[in-house]
């Protein structure tokens, strides 16, 4: 006998969708500034500004993928063949975002090393003006994305990128001022290297979080043995086997388990107590529990 606890799969998409207006505003603002930065970087010869433009490109792409994932998840909700919707799209988007951002960072680092041996003259006036505009745009985008960053892995990815870009803009401004007053051209590749070094660890953490979800590993904050022991302690449960805990998408933990009942235990009471335990102690809202009479062994996997 089995029972499933289906906690409105549309809630996650709705949560992300509530930030859609903010996402569109951030998308438009950063896309415009990205183009301005790229054109100015090419005309001024600034590697730091070019790295900031490349980073901003991944910001724009990441937000665009977040918007696409939200739209696809809503459309899939009505398809009976997609029993879990398309929630994993946002995880795939976050992974793609991490890979692209890593590529940009590596390119900037390689180009910066080359420029240390061959100093490159930079036109500082336009570089400084555009860097200030980039800083202002990133401050606005940072404020727009912050509310959703704790709820959604893809929004968190975009938020982290904007945070890095904000600091990158500060670095570009510092490099422009330093070159303007001292003529020290190495400030430009040094700032580019600093931006790349700042980006990579955060990108790898985002990618690692996405991969954990895609391979259906148990959430890092949950100990599967603790879940097992707590379910085994539920009154009426003699044994717990075939326990699986994974993450469907950001903030949506899922569990399934077989519970062997003690003789005379009441099925409804056991299921209610087990679901309540998972909800209150582990914040698992989606659980499929199968109760079995004593003597039923575990499955092969």
C-alpha atoms as a PDB file:
ATOM      1  CA  UNK A   1       0.000   0.000   0.000  1.00  0.00           C
ATOM      2  CA  UNK A   2       1.474   3.373  -0.908  1.00  0.00           C
ATOM      3  CA  UNK A   3       0.781   7.041  -0.414  1.00  0.00           C
ATOM      4  CA  UNK A   4       2.180  10.103  -2.150  1.00  0.00           C
ATOM      5  CA  UNK A   5       2.457  13.585  -0.744  1.00  0.00           C
ATOM      6  CA  UNK A   6       2.281  15.983  -3.717  1.00  0.00           C
ATOM      7  CA  UNK A   7       2.838  19.520  -2.531  1.00  0.00           C
ATOM      8  CA  UNK A   8       1.708  21.594  -5.551  1.00  0.00           C
ATOM      9  CA  UNK A   9       4.582  21.357  -7.999  1.00  0.00           C
ATOM     10  CA  UNK A  10       3.492  24.673  -9.490  1.00  0.00           C
ATOM     11  CA  UNK A  11       4.570  26.549  -6.366  1.00  0.00           C
ATOM     12  CA  UNK A  12       8.221  26.601  -7.374  1.00  0.00           C
ATOM     13  CA  UNK A  13       7.520  27.984 -10.827  1.00  0.00           C
ATOM     14  CA  UNK A  14       5.134  30.503  -9.336  1.00  0.00           C
ATOM     15  CA  UNK A  15       7.810  31.616  -6.882  1.00  0.00           C
ATOM     16  CA  UNK A  16      10.261  32.262  -9.703  1.00  0.00           C
ATOM     17  CA  UNK A  17       7.536  33.770 -11.863  1.00  0.00           C
ATOM     18  CA  UNK A  18       6.806  36.354  -9.177  1.00  0.00           C
ATOM     19  CA  UNK A  19      10.216  37.863  -9.995  1.00  0.00           C
ATOM     20  CA  UNK A  20       9.661  37.901 -13.750  1.00  0.00           C
ATOM     21  CA  UNK A  21       9.206  41.682 -13.982  1.00  0.00           C
ATOM     22  CA  UNK A  22      12.442  42.253 -12.077  1.00  0.00           C
ATOM     23  CA  UNK A  23      14.234  39.790 -14.349  1.00  0.00           C
ATOM     24  CA  UNK A  24      13.063  41.562 -17.487  1.00  0.00           C
ATOM     25  CA  UNK A  25      14.130  44.932 -16.111  1.00  0.00           C
ATOM     26  CA  UNK A  26      17.587  43.618 -15.183  1.00  0.00           C
ATOM     27  CA  UNK A  27      17.872  41.854 -18.558  1.00  0.00           C
ATOM     28  CA  UNK A  28      17.166  45.008 -20.565  1.00  0.00           C
ATOM     29  CA  UNK A  29      19.413  47.231 -18.481  1.00  0.00           C
ATOM     30  CA  UNK A  30      22.410  44.888 -18.528  1.00  0.00           C
ATOM     31  CA  UNK A  31      22.013  44.054 -22.227  1.00  0.00           C
ATOM     32  CA  UNK A  32      22.223  47.741 -23.144  1.00  0.00           C
ATOM     33  CA  UNK A  33      25.270  48.345 -20.943  1.00  0.00           C
ATOM     34  CA  UNK A  34      26.956  45.160 -22.213  1.00  0.00           C
ATOM     35  CA  UNK A  35      26.881  46.490 -25.770  1.00  0.00           C
ATOM     36  CA  UNK A  36      28.210  49.873 -24.665  1.00  0.00           C
ATOM     37  CA  UNK A  37      31.031  48.237 -22.680  1.00  0.00           C
ATOM     38  CA  UNK A  38      32.008  45.891 -25.508  1.00  0.00           C
ATOM     39  CA  UNK A  39      32.190  48.684 -28.095  1.00  0.00           C
ATOM     40  CA  UNK A  40      34.101  50.952 -25.709  1.00  0.00           C
ATOM     41  CA  UNK A  41      36.520  48.168 -24.718  1.00  0.00           C
ATOM     42  CA  UNK A  42      37.397  47.516 -28.352  1.00  0.00           C
ATOM     43  CA  UNK A  43      37.860  51.218 -29.089  1.00  0.00           C
ATOM     44  CA  UNK A  44      39.929  51.961 -25.977  1.00  0.00           C
ATOM     45  CA  UNK A  45      41.953  48.732 -25.882  1.00  0.00           C
ATOM     46  CA  UNK A  46      40.980  48.020 -22.259  1.00  0.00           C
ATOM     47  CA  UNK A  47      41.183  44.336 -21.311  1.00  0.00           C
ATOM     48  CA  UNK A  48      39.625  45.056 -17.922  1.00  0.00           C
ATOM     49  CA  UNK A  49      36.604  46.659 -19.574  1.00  0.00           C
ATOM     50  CA  UNK A  50      36.423  43.825 -22.108  1.00  0.00           C
ATOM     51  CA  UNK A  51      36.430  41.255 -19.289  1.00  0.00           C
ATOM     52  CA  UNK A  52      33.682  43.188 -17.563  1.00  0.00           C
ATOM     53  CA  UNK A  53      31.681  43.234 -20.810  1.00  0.00           C
ATOM     54  CA  UNK A  54      32.195  39.473 -21.197  1.00  0.00           C
ATOM     55  CA  UNK A  55      31.055  38.916 -17.645  1.00  0.00           C
ATOM     56  CA  UNK A  56      28.049  41.134 -18.271  1.00  0.00           C
ATOM     57  CA  UNK A  57      27.260  39.047 -21.355  1.00  0.00           C
ATOM     58  CA  UNK A  58      26.972  35.969 -19.176  1.00  0.00           C
ATOM     59  CA  UNK A  59      24.765  37.991 -16.805  1.00  0.00           C
ATOM     60  CA  UNK A  60      22.428  38.766 -19.683  1.00  0.00           C
ATOM     61  CA  UNK A  61      22.535  35.186 -20.955  1.00  0.00           C
ATOM     62  CA  UNK A  62      21.922  33.790 -17.466  1.00  0.00           C
ATOM     63  CA  UNK A  63      18.919  36.023 -16.874  1.00  0.00           C
ATOM     64  CA  UNK A  64      17.612  35.145 -20.326  1.00  0.00           C
ATOM     65  CA  UNK A  65      17.877  31.439 -19.525  1.00  0.00           C
ATOM     66  CA  UNK A  66      16.118  32.023 -16.217  1.00  0.00           C
ATOM     67  CA  UNK A  67      13.246  33.714 -18.041  1.00  0.00           C
ATOM     68  CA  UNK A  68      13.113  30.882 -20.592  1.00  0.00           C
ATOM     69  CA  UNK A  69      13.094  28.269 -17.820  1.00  0.00           C
ATOM     70  CA  UNK A  70      10.239  30.025 -16.028  1.00  0.00           C
ATOM     71  CA  UNK A  71       8.200  30.170 -19.235  1.00  0.00           C
ATOM     72  CA  UNK A  72       8.900  26.526 -20.123  1.00  0.00           C
ATOM     73  CA  UNK A  73       8.055  25.331 -16.597  1.00  0.00           C
ATOM     74  CA  UNK A  74       4.672  27.054 -16.692  1.00  0.00           C
ATOM     75  CA  UNK A  75       3.835  25.615 -20.114  1.00  0.00           C
ATOM     76  CA  UNK A  76       4.821  22.109 -19.052  1.00  0.00           C
ATOM     77  CA  UNK A  77       2.533  22.193 -16.021  1.00  0.00           C
ATOM     78  CA  UNK A  78      -0.473  21.278 -18.187  1.00  0.00           C
ATOM     79  CA  UNK A  79       1.248  18.366 -19.955  1.00  0.00           C
ATOM     80  CA  UNK A  80       0.283  15.053 -18.288  1.00  0.00           C
ATOM     81  CA  UNK A  81       3.374  13.363 -19.751  1.00  0.00           C
ATOM     82  CA  UNK A  82       5.685  15.673 -17.823  1.00  0.00           C
ATOM     83  CA  UNK A  83       4.909  14.435 -14.339  1.00  0.00           C
ATOM     84  CA  UNK A  84       7.667  16.572 -12.815  1.00  0.00           C
ATOM     85  CA  UNK A  85       7.152  19.499 -15.173  1.00  0.00           C
ATOM     86  CA  UNK A  86      10.321  21.075 -16.561  1.00  0.00           C
ATOM     87  CA  UNK A  87      11.804  22.232 -13.284  1.00  0.00           C
ATOM     88  CA  UNK A  88      15.194  20.796 -14.189  1.00  0.00           C
ATOM     89  CA  UNK A  89      15.508  23.322 -17.036  1.00  0.00           C
ATOM     90  CA  UNK A  90      16.561  25.986 -14.577  1.00  0.00           C
ATOM     91  CA  UNK A  91      19.261  23.660 -13.229  1.00  0.00           C
ATOM     92  CA  UNK A  92      20.550  22.974 -16.749  1.00  0.00           C
ATOM     93  CA  UNK A  93      20.528  26.715 -17.398  1.00  0.00           C
ATOM     94  CA  UNK A  94      22.544  27.339 -14.238  1.00  0.00           C
ATOM     95  CA  UNK A  95      25.098  24.699 -15.280  1.00  0.00           C
ATOM     96  CA  UNK A  96      25.406  26.204 -18.752  1.00  0.00           C
ATOM     97  CA  UNK A  97      25.823  29.610 -17.185  1.00  0.00           C
ATOM     98  CA  UNK A  98      28.645  28.332 -14.969  1.00  0.00           C
ATOM     99  CA  UNK A  99      30.461  26.782 -17.951  1.00  0.00           C
ATOM    100  CA  UNK A 100      30.194  29.949 -20.027  1.00  0.00           C
ATOM    101  CA  UNK A 101      31.370  32.141 -17.191  1.00  0.00           C
ATOM    102  CA  UNK A 102      34.335  29.846 -16.589  1.00  0.00           C
ATOM    103  CA  UNK A 103      35.273  30.144 -20.253  1.00  0.00           C
ATOM    104  CA  UNK A 104      35.178  33.944 -20.110  1.00  0.00           C
ATOM    105  CA  UNK A 105      37.314  34.000 -16.953  1.00  0.00           C
ATOM    106  CA  UNK A 106      39.941  31.661 -18.429  1.00  0.00           C
ATOM    107  CA  UNK A 107      40.156  33.720 -21.628  1.00  0.00           C
ATOM    108  CA  UNK A 108      40.667  36.929 -19.668  1.00  0.00           C
ATOM    109  CA  UNK A 109      43.394  35.335 -17.527  1.00  0.00           C
ATOM    110  CA  UNK A 110      45.271  34.053 -20.593  1.00  0.00           C
ATOM    111  CA  UNK A 111      45.026  37.401 -22.389  1.00  0.00           C
ATOM    112  CA  UNK A 112      46.123  39.268 -19.253  1.00  0.00           C
ATOM    113  CA  UNK A 113      49.262  37.126 -18.953  1.00  0.00           C
ATOM    114  CA  UNK A 114      50.089  37.913 -22.584  1.00  0.00           C
ATOM    115  CA  UNK A 115      49.687  41.645 -21.968  1.00  0.00           C
ATOM    116  CA  UNK A 116      52.040  41.627 -19.002  1.00  0.00           C
ATOM    117  CA  UNK A 117      54.792  40.925 -21.500  1.00  0.00           C
ATOM    118  CA  UNK A 118      53.457  43.419 -24.051  1.00  0.00           C
ATOM    119  CA  UNK A 119      51.929  46.481 -22.333  1.00  0.00           C
ATOM    120  CA  UNK A 120      48.927  47.807 -24.231  1.00  0.00           C
ATOM    121  CA  UNK A 121      48.017  51.499 -24.284  1.00  0.00           C
ATOM    122  CA  UNK A 122      44.503  52.286 -23.064  1.00  0.00           C
ATOM    123  CA  UNK A 123      42.302  55.340 -23.701  1.00  0.00           C
ATOM    124  CA  UNK A 124      41.188  56.103 -20.163  1.00  0.00           C
ATOM    125  CA  UNK A 125      38.498  58.789 -20.627  1.00  0.00           C
ATOM    126  CA  UNK A 126      35.799  56.686 -22.310  1.00  0.00           C
ATOM    127  CA  UNK A 127      36.886  53.681 -20.238  1.00  0.00           C
ATOM    128  CA  UNK A 128      36.191  55.565 -17.005  1.00  0.00           C
ATOM    129  CA  UNK A 129      32.823  56.947 -18.135  1.00  0.00           C
ATOM    130  CA  UNK A 130      31.525  53.563 -19.274  1.00  0.00           C
ATOM    131  CA  UNK A 131      32.841  51.828 -16.144  1.00  0.00           C
ATOM    132  CA  UNK A 132      30.885  54.282 -13.973  1.00  0.00           C
ATOM    133  CA  UNK A 133      27.750  53.641 -16.035  1.00  0.00           C
ATOM    134  CA  UNK A 134      28.358  49.889 -15.633  1.00  0.00           C
ATOM    135  CA  UNK A 135      28.650  50.291 -11.879  1.00  0.00           C
ATOM    136  CA  UNK A 136      25.326  52.134 -11.708  1.00  0.00           C
ATOM    137  CA  UNK A 137      23.621  49.543 -13.923  1.00  0.00           C
ATOM    138  CA  UNK A 138      24.943  46.698 -11.782  1.00  0.00           C
ATOM    139  CA  UNK A 139      23.746  48.367  -8.581  1.00  0.00           C
ATOM    140  CA  UNK A 140      20.241  48.562 -10.027  1.00  0.00           C
ATOM    141  CA  UNK A 141      20.366  44.955 -11.308  1.00  0.00           C
ATOM    142  CA  UNK A 142      21.750  43.768  -7.950  1.00  0.00           C
ATOM    143  CA  UNK A 143      18.761  45.321  -6.153  1.00  0.00           C
ATOM    144  CA  UNK A 144      16.325  43.810  -8.669  1.00  0.00           C
ATOM    145  CA  UNK A 145      17.667  40.247  -8.402  1.00  0.00           C
ATOM    146  CA  UNK A 146      18.402  40.066  -4.685  1.00  0.00           C
ATOM    147  CA  UNK A 147      14.838  39.151  -3.524  1.00  0.00           C
ATOM    148  CA  UNK A 148      14.762  35.979  -5.635  1.00  0.00           C
ATOM    149  CA  UNK A 149      18.351  34.853  -5.069  1.00  0.00           C
ATOM    150  CA  UNK A 150      17.522  32.751  -1.999  1.00  0.00           C
ATOM    151  CA  UNK A 151      14.603  30.954  -3.656  1.00  0.00           C
ATOM    152  CA  UNK A 152      15.904  29.778  -7.002  1.00  0.00           C
ATOM    153  CA  UNK A 153      19.255  28.364  -8.151  1.00  0.00           C
ATOM    154  CA  UNK A 154      19.111  30.065 -11.522  1.00  0.00           C
ATOM    155  CA  UNK A 155      18.241  33.439 -10.007  1.00  0.00           C
ATOM    156  CA  UNK A 156      21.049  32.881  -7.521  1.00  0.00           C
ATOM    157  CA  UNK A 157      23.431  32.304 -10.421  1.00  0.00           C
ATOM    158  CA  UNK A 158      22.381  35.565 -12.084  1.00  0.00           C
ATOM    159  CA  UNK A 159      22.625  37.370  -8.734  1.00  0.00           C
ATOM    160  CA  UNK A 160      26.169  36.098  -8.113  1.00  0.00           C
ATOM    161  CA  UNK A 161      27.222  37.149 -11.593  1.00  0.00           C
ATOM    162  CA  UNK A 162      25.861  40.648 -11.097  1.00  0.00           C
ATOM    163  CA  UNK A 163      27.618  40.821  -7.729  1.00  0.00           C
ATOM    164  CA  UNK A 164      30.886  39.876  -9.387  1.00  0.00           C
ATOM    165  CA  UNK A 165      30.239  42.332 -12.199  1.00  0.00           C
ATOM    166  CA  UNK A 166      29.567  45.097  -9.686  1.00  0.00           C
ATOM    167  CA  UNK A 167      32.951  44.535  -8.081  1.00  0.00           C
ATOM    168  CA  UNK A 168      34.477  44.265 -11.538  1.00  0.00           C
ATOM    169  CA  UNK A 169      33.138  47.709 -12.440  1.00  0.00           C
ATOM    170  CA  UNK A 170      34.774  49.122  -9.325  1.00  0.00           C
ATOM    171  CA  UNK A 171      38.047  47.536 -10.415  1.00  0.00           C
ATOM    172  CA  UNK A 172      37.788  48.988 -13.924  1.00  0.00           C
ATOM    173  CA  UNK A 173      37.161  52.446 -12.472  1.00  0.00           C
ATOM    174  CA  UNK A 174      40.216  52.074 -10.230  1.00  0.00           C
ATOM    175  CA  UNK A 175      42.356  50.953 -13.179  1.00  0.00           C
ATOM    176  CA  UNK A 176      41.198  53.856 -15.344  1.00  0.00           C
ATOM    177  CA  UNK A 177      41.967  56.409 -12.613  1.00  0.00           C
ATOM    178  CA  UNK A 178      45.360  54.843 -11.910  1.00  0.00           C
ATOM    179  CA  UNK A 179      46.366  54.812 -15.563  1.00  0.00           C
ATOM    180  CA  UNK A 180      45.037  58.349 -16.049  1.00  0.00           C
ATOM    181  CA  UNK A 181      47.174  59.818 -13.259  1.00  0.00           C
ATOM    182  CA  UNK A 182      50.247  57.573 -13.275  1.00  0.00           C
ATOM    183  CA  UNK A 183      50.449  56.092 -16.773  1.00  0.00           C
ATOM    184  CA  UNK A 184      50.928  52.623 -15.263  1.00  0.00           C
ATOM    185  CA  UNK A 185      49.448  50.480 -18.059  1.00  0.00           C
ATOM    186  CA  UNK A 186      49.769  47.238 -16.097  1.00  0.00           C
ATOM    187  CA  UNK A 187      46.803  48.307 -13.968  1.00  0.00           C
ATOM    188  CA  UNK A 188      44.489  47.206 -16.797  1.00  0.00           C
ATOM    189  CA  UNK A 189      45.586  43.528 -17.051  1.00  0.00           C
ATOM    190  CA  UNK A 190      45.978  43.353 -13.241  1.00  0.00           C
ATOM    191  CA  UNK A 191      42.334  44.293 -12.769  1.00  0.00           C
ATOM    192  CA  UNK A 192      41.353  41.837 -15.508  1.00  0.00           C
ATOM    193  CA  UNK A 193      43.181  39.061 -13.608  1.00  0.00           C
ATOM    194  CA  UNK A 194      41.493  40.086 -10.344  1.00  0.00           C
ATOM    195  CA  UNK A 195      38.076  39.863 -12.003  1.00  0.00           C
ATOM    196  CA  UNK A 196      38.880  36.412 -13.400  1.00  0.00           C
ATOM    197  CA  UNK A 197      40.160  35.122 -10.054  1.00  0.00           C
ATOM    198  CA  UNK A 198      37.053  36.452  -8.321  1.00  0.00           C
ATOM    199  CA  UNK A 199      34.696  34.863 -10.835  1.00  0.00           C
ATOM    200  CA  UNK A 200      36.062  31.309 -11.002  1.00  0.00           C
ATOM    201  CA  UNK A 201      35.483  30.000  -7.426  1.00  0.00           C
ATOM    202  CA  UNK A 202      31.912  31.303  -7.339  1.00  0.00           C
ATOM    203  CA  UNK A 203      31.233  29.851 -10.767  1.00  0.00           C
ATOM    204  CA  UNK A 204      32.551  26.436  -9.759  1.00  0.00           C
ATOM    205  CA  UNK A 205      30.357  26.411  -6.649  1.00  0.00           C
ATOM    206  CA  UNK A 206      27.301  27.186  -8.752  1.00  0.00           C
ATOM    207  CA  UNK A 207      28.234  24.463 -11.239  1.00  0.00           C
ATOM    208  CA  UNK A 208      28.813  21.960  -8.431  1.00  0.00           C
ATOM    209  CA  UNK A 209      25.382  22.716  -6.942  1.00  0.00           C
ATOM    210  CA  UNK A 210      23.754  22.190 -10.355  1.00  0.00           C
ATOM    211  CA  UNK A 211      25.591  18.896 -10.933  1.00  0.00           C
ATOM    212  CA  UNK A 212      24.547  17.582  -7.505  1.00  0.00           C
ATOM    213  CA  UNK A 213      20.922  18.147  -8.463  1.00  0.00           C
ATOM    214  CA  UNK A 214      21.306  16.594 -11.915  1.00  0.00           C
ATOM    215  CA  UNK A 215      22.917  13.405 -10.566  1.00  0.00           C
ATOM    216  CA  UNK A 216      20.171  13.212  -7.921  1.00  0.00           C
ATOM    217  CA  UNK A 217      22.556  13.276  -4.971  1.00  0.00           C
ATOM    218  CA  UNK A 218      21.030  13.899  -1.569  1.00  0.00           C
ATOM    219  CA  UNK A 219      20.951  17.588  -0.573  1.00  0.00           C
ATOM    220  CA  UNK A 220      24.137  18.638   1.195  1.00  0.00           C
ATOM    221  CA  UNK A 221      22.239  19.936   4.207  1.00  0.00           C
ATOM    222  CA  UNK A 222      20.492  16.584   4.774  1.00  0.00           C
ATOM    223  CA  UNK A 223      22.043  13.461   6.268  1.00  0.00           C
ATOM    224  CA  UNK A 224      20.315  10.441   4.739  1.00  0.00           C
ATOM    225  CA  UNK A 225      21.221   8.293   7.752  1.00  0.00           C
ATOM    226  CA  UNK A 226      19.475  10.805  10.011  1.00  0.00           C
ATOM    227  CA  UNK A 227      16.349  10.653   7.841  1.00  0.00           C
ATOM    228  CA  UNK A 228      16.471   6.848   7.939  1.00  0.00           C
ATOM    229  CA  UNK A 229      16.868   6.688  11.713  1.00  0.00           C
ATOM    230  CA  UNK A 230      14.100   9.198  12.317  1.00  0.00           C
ATOM    231  CA  UNK A 231      11.643   7.337  10.077  1.00  0.00           C
ATOM    232  CA  UNK A 232      12.586   4.079  11.804  1.00  0.00           C
ATOM    233  CA  UNK A 233      11.650   5.703  15.114  1.00  0.00           C
ATOM    234  CA  UNK A 234       8.099   6.519  13.964  1.00  0.00           C
ATOM    235  CA  UNK A 235       5.600   4.500  16.046  1.00  0.00           C
ATOM    236  CA  UNK A 236       4.431   1.454  14.073  1.00  0.00           C
ATOM    237  CA  UNK A 237       7.528   1.298  11.824  1.00  0.00           C
ATOM    238  CA  UNK A 238       9.632  -1.850  12.178  1.00  0.00           C
ATOM    239  CA  UNK A 239      12.089  -1.206   9.339  1.00  0.00           C
ATOM    240  CA  UNK A 240      12.955   1.392   6.682  1.00  0.00           C
ATOM    241  CA  UNK A 241      14.436   0.402   3.335  1.00  0.00           C
ATOM    242  CA  UNK A 242      14.747   1.705  -0.245  1.00  0.00           C
ATOM    243  CA  UNK A 243      15.116   5.249   1.082  1.00  0.00           C
ATOM    244  CA  UNK A 244      15.970   7.848  -1.541  1.00  0.00           C
ATOM    245  CA  UNK A 245      16.336  11.596  -1.008  1.00  0.00           C
ATOM    246  CA  UNK A 246      17.109  14.039  -3.821  1.00  0.00           C
ATOM    247  CA  UNK A 247      16.442  17.555  -5.072  1.00  0.00           C
ATOM    248  CA  UNK A 248      14.112  18.139  -7.987  1.00  0.00           C
ATOM    249  CA  UNK A 249      14.997  21.827  -8.281  1.00  0.00           C
ATOM    250  CA  UNK A 250      15.853  24.711  -5.984  1.00  0.00           C
ATOM    251  CA  UNK A 251      14.032  24.398  -2.670  1.00  0.00           C
ATOM    252  CA  UNK A 252      12.138  21.267  -3.719  1.00  0.00           C
ATOM    253  CA  UNK A 253      13.471  18.225  -1.857  1.00  0.00           C
ATOM    254  CA  UNK A 254      11.894  14.849  -2.642  1.00  0.00           C
ATOM    255  CA  UNK A 255      11.971  11.541  -0.795  1.00  0.00           C
ATOM    256  CA  UNK A 256      10.683   8.017  -1.269  1.00  0.00           C
ATOM    257  CA  UNK A 257      10.875   5.078   1.125  1.00  0.00           C
ATOM    258  CA  UNK A 258       9.390   1.695   2.018  1.00  0.00           C
ATOM    259  CA  UNK A 259       8.230   1.343   5.604  1.00  0.00           C
ATOM    260  CA  UNK A 260       7.735  -2.101   7.099  1.00  0.00           C
ATOM    261  CA  UNK A 261       5.023  -1.942   9.774  1.00  0.00           C
ATOM    262  CA  UNK A 262       4.928  -3.694  13.108  1.00  0.00           C
ATOM    263  CA  UNK A 263       2.037  -6.167  13.591  1.00  0.00           C
ATOM    264  CA  UNK A 264      -1.177  -4.356  14.459  1.00  0.00           C
ATOM    265  CA  UNK A 265       0.018  -0.911  13.338  1.00  0.00           C
ATOM    266  CA  UNK A 266      -2.558   1.311  11.639  1.00  0.00           C
ATOM    267  CA  UNK A 267      -1.598   2.333   8.086  1.00  0.00           C
ATOM    268  CA  UNK A 268      -3.085   5.832   8.176  1.00  0.00           C
ATOM    269  CA  UNK A 269      -1.431   6.703  11.465  1.00  0.00           C
ATOM    270  CA  UNK A 270       1.984   5.481  10.285  1.00  0.00           C
ATOM    271  CA  UNK A 271       1.807   7.452   7.028  1.00  0.00           C
ATOM    272  CA  UNK A 272       0.637  10.627   8.739  1.00  0.00           C
ATOM    273  CA  UNK A 273       3.364  10.434  11.388  1.00  0.00           C
ATOM    274  CA  UNK A 274       6.073   9.697   8.805  1.00  0.00           C
ATOM    275  CA  UNK A 275       5.043  12.561   6.508  1.00  0.00           C
ATOM    276  CA  UNK A 276       4.822  14.947   9.458  1.00  0.00           C
ATOM    277  CA  UNK A 277       8.323  13.926  10.557  1.00  0.00           C
ATOM    278  CA  UNK A 278       9.768  14.552   7.104  1.00  0.00           C
ATOM    279  CA  UNK A 279       8.017  17.904   6.853  1.00  0.00           C
ATOM    280  CA  UNK A 280       8.760  19.296  10.304  1.00  0.00           C
ATOM    281  CA  UNK A 281      12.270  17.958  10.886  1.00  0.00           C
ATOM    282  CA  UNK A 282      13.751  17.848   7.384  1.00  0.00           C
ATOM    283  CA  UNK A 283      11.545  20.269   5.396  1.00  0.00           C
ATOM    284  CA  UNK A 284      10.772  17.576   2.824  1.00  0.00           C
ATOM    285  CA  UNK A 285       7.388  18.452   1.335  1.00  0.00           C
ATOM    286  CA  UNK A 286       7.302  15.822  -1.412  1.00  0.00           C
ATOM    287  CA  UNK A 287       7.390  12.252  -0.121  1.00  0.00           C
ATOM    288  CA  UNK A 288       6.131   8.991  -1.554  1.00  0.00           C
ATOM    289  CA  UNK A 289       5.933   6.371   1.192  1.00  0.00           C
ATOM    290  CA  UNK A 290       5.020   2.714   0.724  1.00  0.00           C
ATOM    291  CA  UNK A 291       3.974   0.766   3.803  1.00  0.00           C
ATOM    292  CA  UNK A 292       4.398  -3.003   3.842  1.00  0.00           C
ATOM    293  CA  UNK A 293       3.539  -5.821   6.219  1.00  0.00           C
ATOM    294  CA  UNK A 294       6.364  -7.447   8.132  1.00  0.00           C
ATOM    295  CA  UNK A 295       8.342  -9.910   5.989  1.00  0.00           C
ATOM    296  CA  UNK A 296       8.596  -7.867   2.800  1.00  0.00           C
ATOM    297  CA  UNK A 297      12.245  -7.393   1.867  1.00  0.00           C
ATOM    298  CA  UNK A 298      13.967  -4.531   0.075  1.00  0.00           C
ATOM    299  CA  UNK A 299      14.003  -4.197  -3.697  1.00  0.00           C
ATOM    300  CA  UNK A 300      17.183  -4.775  -5.722  1.00  0.00           C
ATOM    301  CA  UNK A 301      18.139  -1.068  -5.678  1.00  0.00           C
END
